Amino acid sequence: MEYKTAIRALRGTVPDLSKPSMAALAYVLRHPQMWPEKYAKRGWCFTDCRQCAMGLTAVLWPHAMQLSNTTGRMQGAVNPFSLPTISKLFNLNYAQAKDIFVLAPPAAQESPEKFADFLDLIGPAP
């Protein structure tokens, strides 16, 4: 299927937003009106942990982040920006999480919509 056609098809479906998934994250990234206020105020910034996809994940699903935390703590709280936490949450290995959330292609880093397209292209976690 052609890239643009595949992306259009994926954009039309609404995933279960009550729990974290790559599809849910991609959907919310495309719909800034759904962003929590404290995330929306700062806006998208791929290189700022509070304003990237991991930051949005931490704000949208804090309970799930706590349950999946496998690392140390950050000032006494769960460190939502650790790759082990993200990898467990999205059922990825460490290298996959790093490739997606840290080393995404430059084009995917430009905007939340482009990062959502990137998530759709790599598909759901196994």
N, C-alpha and C. Protein backbone atom coordinates (compact mmCIF):
# COMPACT_ATOMS: atom_id res chain seq x y z
N MET A 1 0.85 -1.18 0.00
CA MET A 1 0.00 0.00 0.00
C MET A 1 0.89 1.24 0.00
N GLU A 2 0.51 2.21 -0.76
CA GLU A 2 1.27 3.46 -0.83
C GLU A 2 1.28 4.14 0.54
N TYR A 3 2.40 4.77 0.87
CA TYR A 3 2.60 5.42 2.17
C TYR A 3 1.44 6.34 2.55
N LYS A 4 1.11 7.29 1.69
CA LYS A 4 0.06 8.27 2.03
C LYS A 4 -1.29 7.60 2.21
N THR A 5 -1.58 6.60 1.40
CA THR A 5 -2.85 5.89 1.52
C THR A 5 -2.90 5.14 2.84
N ALA A 6 -1.80 4.49 3.21
CA ALA A 6 -1.75 3.75 4.46
C ALA A 6 -1.94 4.68 5.66
N ILE A 7 -1.29 5.83 5.63
CA ILE A 7 -1.41 6.78 6.74
C ILE A 7 -2.84 7.30 6.84
N ARG A 8 -3.46 7.62 5.71
CA ARG A 8 -4.85 8.10 5.73
C ARG A 8 -5.77 7.05 6.35
N ALA A 9 -5.56 5.79 6.00
CA ALA A 9 -6.39 4.71 6.54
C ALA A 9 -6.22 4.60 8.05
N LEU A 10 -4.99 4.71 8.53
CA LEU A 10 -4.73 4.63 9.96
C LEU A 10 -5.31 5.81 10.72
N ARG A 11 -5.28 6.98 10.12
CA ARG A 11 -5.79 8.18 10.79
C ARG A 11 -7.29 8.11 11.02
N GLY A 12 -7.98 7.33 10.22
CA GLY A 12 -9.43 7.26 10.32
C GLY A 12 -9.92 6.40 11.47
N THR A 13 -9.07 5.61 12.07
CA THR A 13 -9.49 4.72 13.14
C THR A 13 -9.14 5.34 14.50
N VAL A 14 -10.04 5.15 15.44
CA VAL A 14 -9.80 5.65 16.79
C VAL A 14 -9.46 4.46 17.67
N PRO A 15 -8.22 4.39 18.15
CA PRO A 15 -7.82 3.29 19.03
C PRO A 15 -8.36 3.47 20.43
N ASP A 16 -8.22 2.45 21.24
CA ASP A 16 -8.59 2.53 22.65
C ASP A 16 -7.62 3.50 23.32
N LEU A 17 -8.12 4.63 23.77
CA LEU A 17 -7.28 5.66 24.39
C LEU A 17 -7.16 5.51 25.90
N SER A 18 -7.82 4.52 26.45
CA SER A 18 -7.79 4.35 27.91
C SER A 18 -6.50 3.69 28.39
N LYS A 19 -5.75 3.09 27.47
CA LYS A 19 -4.49 2.46 27.86
C LYS A 19 -3.42 2.80 26.82
N PRO A 20 -2.17 2.82 27.24
CA PRO A 20 -1.10 3.21 26.32
C PRO A 20 -0.87 2.18 25.21
N SER A 21 -0.72 2.69 24.01
CA SER A 21 -0.33 1.88 22.86
C SER A 21 0.27 2.84 21.84
N MET A 22 1.02 2.31 20.91
CA MET A 22 1.60 3.16 19.87
C MET A 22 0.48 3.81 19.06
N ALA A 23 -0.58 3.07 18.78
CA ALA A 23 -1.70 3.62 18.02
C ALA A 23 -2.39 4.75 18.78
N ALA A 24 -2.58 4.56 20.08
CA ALA A 24 -3.22 5.60 20.90
C ALA A 24 -2.34 6.85 20.96
N LEU A 25 -1.04 6.65 21.14
CA LEU A 25 -0.12 7.78 21.19
C LEU A 25 -0.12 8.53 19.86
N ALA A 26 -0.08 7.81 18.76
CA ALA A 26 -0.11 8.45 17.43
C ALA A 26 -1.39 9.26 17.26
N TYR A 27 -2.51 8.69 17.69
CA TYR A 27 -3.80 9.38 17.55
C TYR A 27 -3.80 10.69 18.34
N VAL A 28 -3.35 10.63 19.59
CA VAL A 28 -3.36 11.84 20.43
C VAL A 28 -2.36 12.87 19.90
N LEU A 29 -1.23 12.41 19.39
CA LEU A 29 -0.26 13.36 18.81
C LEU A 29 -0.88 14.14 17.65
N ARG A 30 -1.79 13.51 16.91
CA ARG A 30 -2.44 14.18 15.78
C ARG A 30 -3.60 15.08 16.20
N HIS A 31 -4.00 14.99 17.45
CA HIS A 31 -5.16 15.75 17.94
C HIS A 31 -4.76 16.61 19.13
N PRO A 32 -4.11 17.75 18.88
CA PRO A 32 -3.64 18.59 20.00
C PRO A 32 -4.74 19.05 20.94
N GLN A 33 -5.97 19.06 20.48
CA GLN A 33 -7.08 19.44 21.37
C GLN A 33 -7.26 18.42 22.48
N MET A 34 -6.66 17.24 22.34
CA MET A 34 -6.74 16.20 23.36
C MET A 34 -5.56 16.25 24.34
N TRP A 35 -4.58 17.09 24.05
CA TRP A 35 -3.40 17.17 24.91
C TRP A 35 -3.76 17.77 26.26
N PRO A 36 -3.26 17.19 27.33
CA PRO A 36 -3.47 17.80 28.64
C PRO A 36 -2.89 19.22 28.66
N GLU A 37 -3.51 20.08 29.45
CA GLU A 37 -3.15 21.50 29.46
C GLU A 37 -1.66 21.74 29.72
N LYS A 38 -1.10 21.05 30.70
CA LYS A 38 0.30 21.32 31.01
C LYS A 38 1.24 20.91 29.88
N TYR A 39 0.85 19.95 29.08
CA TYR A 39 1.65 19.56 27.91
C TYR A 39 1.41 20.55 26.77
N ALA A 40 0.17 20.91 26.55
CA ALA A 40 -0.18 21.82 25.45
C ALA A 40 0.45 23.20 25.62
N LYS A 41 0.57 23.68 26.86
CA LYS A 41 1.15 25.00 27.11
C LYS A 41 2.57 25.11 26.57
N ARG A 42 3.33 24.04 26.74
CA ARG A 42 4.72 24.07 26.31
C ARG A 42 4.88 23.78 24.82
N GLY A 43 4.00 22.97 24.26
CA GLY A 43 4.09 22.62 22.84
C GLY A 43 5.10 21.52 22.57
N TRP A 44 5.12 21.04 21.35
CA TRP A 44 5.97 19.92 20.93
C TRP A 44 7.43 20.31 20.84
N CYS A 45 8.28 19.47 21.37
CA CYS A 45 9.73 19.62 21.21
C CYS A 45 10.35 18.25 21.39
N PHE A 46 10.80 17.64 20.30
CA PHE A 46 11.32 16.27 20.34
C PHE A 46 12.48 16.11 21.30
N THR A 47 13.29 17.14 21.46
CA THR A 47 14.49 17.03 22.28
C THR A 47 14.28 17.39 23.75
N ASP A 48 13.07 17.74 24.15
CA ASP A 48 12.75 18.05 25.54
C ASP A 48 11.88 16.91 26.08
N CYS A 49 12.40 16.18 27.04
CA CYS A 49 11.69 15.01 27.55
C CYS A 49 10.26 15.32 28.02
N ARG A 50 10.05 16.52 28.49
CA ARG A 50 8.70 16.88 28.95
C ARG A 50 7.76 17.15 27.79
N GLN A 51 8.29 17.43 26.63
CA GLN A 51 7.46 17.85 25.50
C GLN A 51 7.57 16.93 24.28
N CYS A 52 8.15 15.77 24.46
CA CYS A 52 8.25 14.82 23.35
C CYS A 52 7.16 13.76 23.51
N ALA A 53 7.25 12.72 22.73
CA ALA A 53 6.26 11.64 22.81
C ALA A 53 6.30 10.93 24.16
N MET A 54 7.49 10.78 24.74
CA MET A 54 7.58 10.17 26.07
C MET A 54 6.92 11.06 27.12
N GLY A 55 7.10 12.36 26.98
CA GLY A 55 6.46 13.30 27.91
C GLY A 55 4.96 13.24 27.84
N LEU A 56 4.42 13.16 26.61
CA LEU A 56 2.98 13.06 26.44
C LEU A 56 2.47 11.74 27.02
N THR A 57 3.22 10.68 26.79
CA THR A 57 2.85 9.37 27.35
C THR A 57 2.76 9.45 28.87
N ALA A 58 3.74 10.09 29.49
CA ALA A 58 3.77 10.21 30.95
C ALA A 58 2.58 10.99 31.48
N VAL A 59 2.14 12.00 30.73
CA VAL A 59 1.01 12.82 31.18
C VAL A 59 -0.32 12.09 30.92
N LEU A 60 -0.41 11.39 29.81
CA LEU A 60 -1.67 10.70 29.45
C LEU A 60 -1.93 9.47 30.31
N TRP A 61 -0.88 8.70 30.59
CA TRP A 61 -1.04 7.43 31.29
C TRP A 61 -0.09 7.31 32.47
N PRO A 62 -0.18 8.20 33.45
CA PRO A 62 0.79 8.17 34.57
C PRO A 62 0.73 6.88 35.37
N HIS A 63 -0.45 6.32 35.56
CA HIS A 63 -0.57 5.09 36.34
C HIS A 63 0.16 3.94 35.62
N ALA A 64 -0.02 3.84 34.33
CA ALA A 64 0.65 2.79 33.56
C ALA A 64 2.16 2.99 33.59
N MET A 65 2.59 4.24 33.57
CA MET A 65 4.03 4.52 33.63
C MET A 65 4.59 4.02 34.97
N GLN A 66 3.86 4.25 36.05
CA GLN A 66 4.33 3.80 37.36
C GLN A 66 4.41 2.28 37.41
N LEU A 67 3.42 1.62 36.85
CA LEU A 67 3.41 0.16 36.88
C LEU A 67 4.53 -0.44 36.05
N SER A 68 4.93 0.27 34.99
CA SER A 68 5.96 -0.29 34.12
C SER A 68 7.36 0.19 34.49
N ASN A 69 7.48 1.04 35.50
CA ASN A 69 8.79 1.56 35.87
C ASN A 69 9.70 0.42 36.35
N THR A 70 10.86 0.33 35.72
CA THR A 70 11.80 -0.73 36.08
C THR A 70 13.15 -0.14 36.47
N THR A 71 13.22 1.16 36.58
CA THR A 71 14.51 1.79 36.82
C THR A 71 14.48 2.59 38.10
N GLY A 72 15.50 3.35 38.30
CA GLY A 72 15.60 4.22 39.47
C GLY A 72 14.55 5.30 39.47
N ARG A 73 14.67 6.15 40.41
CA ARG A 73 13.69 7.21 40.58
C ARG A 73 14.30 8.57 40.28
N MET A 74 13.44 9.50 39.97
CA MET A 74 13.87 10.85 39.68
C MET A 74 13.26 11.74 40.74
N GLN A 75 14.03 12.22 41.65
CA GLN A 75 13.59 13.07 42.76
C GLN A 75 12.43 12.41 43.52
N GLY A 76 12.55 11.11 43.76
CA GLY A 76 11.55 10.41 44.55
C GLY A 76 10.32 9.97 43.78
N ALA A 77 10.23 10.32 42.52
CA ALA A 77 9.07 9.93 41.71
C ALA A 77 9.53 8.99 40.61
N VAL A 78 8.58 8.36 39.97
CA VAL A 78 8.89 7.49 38.83
C VAL A 78 9.54 8.32 37.74
N ASN A 79 10.58 7.79 37.14
CA ASN A 79 11.22 8.48 36.03
C ASN A 79 10.54 8.06 34.73
N PRO A 80 9.59 8.86 34.24
CA PRO A 80 8.84 8.47 33.04
C PRO A 80 9.67 8.57 31.77
N PHE A 81 10.83 9.18 31.86
CA PHE A 81 11.62 9.41 30.66
C PHE A 81 12.75 8.40 30.51
N SER A 82 12.66 7.29 31.21
CA SER A 82 13.70 6.28 31.07
C SER A 82 13.30 5.32 29.96
N LEU A 83 14.26 4.90 29.18
CA LEU A 83 13.98 3.95 28.11
C LEU A 83 13.50 2.60 28.63
N PRO A 84 14.03 2.10 29.76
CA PRO A 84 13.47 0.85 30.27
C PRO A 84 11.97 0.96 30.61
N THR A 85 11.57 2.10 31.15
CA THR A 85 10.15 2.29 31.47
C THR A 85 9.31 2.31 30.19
N ILE A 86 9.75 3.09 29.22
CA ILE A 86 9.02 3.19 27.95
C ILE A 86 9.01 1.85 27.21
N SER A 87 10.13 1.15 27.22
CA SER A 87 10.19 -0.12 26.50
C SER A 87 9.22 -1.14 27.11
N LYS A 88 9.16 -1.18 28.43
CA LYS A 88 8.22 -2.10 29.07
C LYS A 88 6.77 -1.69 28.80
N LEU A 89 6.50 -0.42 28.87
CA LEU A 89 5.14 0.09 28.66
C LEU A 89 4.62 -0.26 27.27
N PHE A 90 5.48 -0.12 26.24
CA PHE A 90 5.06 -0.37 24.86
C PHE A 90 5.49 -1.75 24.35
N ASN A 91 5.94 -2.61 25.25
CA ASN A 91 6.35 -3.96 24.88
C ASN A 91 7.43 -3.96 23.79
N LEU A 92 8.46 -3.16 24.03
CA LEU A 92 9.59 -3.05 23.10
C LEU A 92 10.84 -3.48 23.84
N ASN A 93 11.87 -3.88 23.09
CA ASN A 93 13.14 -4.08 23.76
C ASN A 93 13.82 -2.71 23.85
N TYR A 94 14.88 -2.63 24.63
CA TYR A 94 15.55 -1.35 24.86
C TYR A 94 16.00 -0.70 23.55
N ALA A 95 16.59 -1.47 22.65
CA ALA A 95 17.09 -0.92 21.38
C ALA A 95 15.95 -0.35 20.53
N GLN A 96 14.82 -1.04 20.50
CA GLN A 96 13.66 -0.54 19.75
C GLN A 96 13.16 0.77 20.34
N ALA A 97 13.05 0.82 21.66
CA ALA A 97 12.59 2.05 22.32
C ALA A 97 13.54 3.21 22.02
N LYS A 98 14.82 2.95 22.06
CA LYS A 98 15.81 3.99 21.77
C LYS A 98 15.69 4.46 20.33
N ASP A 99 15.55 3.52 19.40
CA ASP A 99 15.41 3.89 17.98
C ASP A 99 14.18 4.75 17.73
N ILE A 100 13.11 4.48 18.45
CA ILE A 100 11.86 5.21 18.24
C ILE A 100 11.86 6.54 18.98
N PHE A 101 12.14 6.51 20.28
CA PHE A 101 11.93 7.69 21.11
C PHE A 101 13.15 8.59 21.28
N VAL A 102 14.32 8.12 20.85
CA VAL A 102 15.52 8.95 20.97
C VAL A 102 16.16 9.21 19.61
N LEU A 103 16.21 8.19 18.77
CA LEU A 103 16.92 8.29 17.50
C LEU A 103 15.99 8.33 16.29
N ALA A 104 14.78 8.80 16.47
CA ALA A 104 13.84 8.87 15.34
C ALA A 104 14.45 9.68 14.21
N PRO A 105 14.09 9.35 12.96
CA PRO A 105 14.62 10.13 11.83
C PRO A 105 14.30 11.62 11.99
N PRO A 106 15.19 12.49 11.53
CA PRO A 106 14.97 13.93 11.66
C PRO A 106 13.60 14.39 11.19
N ALA A 107 13.12 13.83 10.09
CA ALA A 107 11.80 14.24 9.59
C ALA A 107 10.70 13.93 10.60
N ALA A 108 10.83 12.83 11.32
CA ALA A 108 9.82 12.45 12.32
C ALA A 108 9.87 13.36 13.54
N GLN A 109 10.99 14.02 13.75
CA GLN A 109 11.16 14.89 14.91
C GLN A 109 10.56 16.27 14.72
N GLU A 110 10.21 16.62 13.49
CA GLU A 110 9.78 17.99 13.17
C GLU A 110 8.46 18.40 13.80
N SER A 111 7.53 17.48 13.90
CA SER A 111 6.21 17.85 14.42
C SER A 111 5.54 16.61 15.02
N PRO A 112 4.53 16.83 15.86
CA PRO A 112 3.84 15.68 16.43
C PRO A 112 3.14 14.84 15.35
N GLU A 113 2.63 15.49 14.32
CA GLU A 113 1.97 14.77 13.23
C GLU A 113 2.96 13.86 12.50
N LYS A 114 4.15 14.36 12.24
CA LYS A 114 5.16 13.55 11.55
C LYS A 114 5.65 12.42 12.44
N PHE A 115 5.75 12.66 13.74
CA PHE A 115 6.13 11.58 14.63
C PHE A 115 5.03 10.53 14.68
N ALA A 116 3.77 10.96 14.66
CA ALA A 116 2.65 10.02 14.63
C ALA A 116 2.70 9.17 13.35
N ASP A 117 3.02 9.80 12.22
CA ASP A 117 3.17 9.04 10.97
C ASP A 117 4.27 8.00 11.11
N PHE A 118 5.37 8.38 11.75
CA PHE A 118 6.48 7.46 11.99
C PHE A 118 6.02 6.28 12.85
N LEU A 119 5.27 6.54 13.90
CA LEU A 119 4.75 5.46 14.74
C LEU A 119 3.86 4.53 13.94
N ASP A 120 3.03 5.09 13.08
CA ASP A 120 2.15 4.26 12.26
C ASP A 120 2.95 3.37 11.30
N LEU A 121 4.02 3.90 10.76
CA LEU A 121 4.83 3.14 9.82
C LEU A 121 5.56 1.97 10.47
N ILE A 122 6.00 2.16 11.69
CA ILE A 122 6.72 1.05 12.34
C ILE A 122 5.76 0.03 12.89
N GLY A 123 4.49 0.39 13.02
CA GLY A 123 3.47 -0.56 13.42
C GLY A 123 3.40 -0.78 14.91
N PRO A 124 2.39 -1.53 15.33
CA PRO A 124 2.22 -1.79 16.75
C PRO A 124 3.33 -2.69 17.27
N ALA A 125 3.55 -2.60 18.55
CA ALA A 125 4.54 -3.48 19.18
C ALA A 125 4.05 -4.91 19.10
N PRO A 126 4.97 -5.85 19.01
CA PRO A 126 4.56 -7.28 18.91
C PRO A 126 3.82 -7.76 20.14
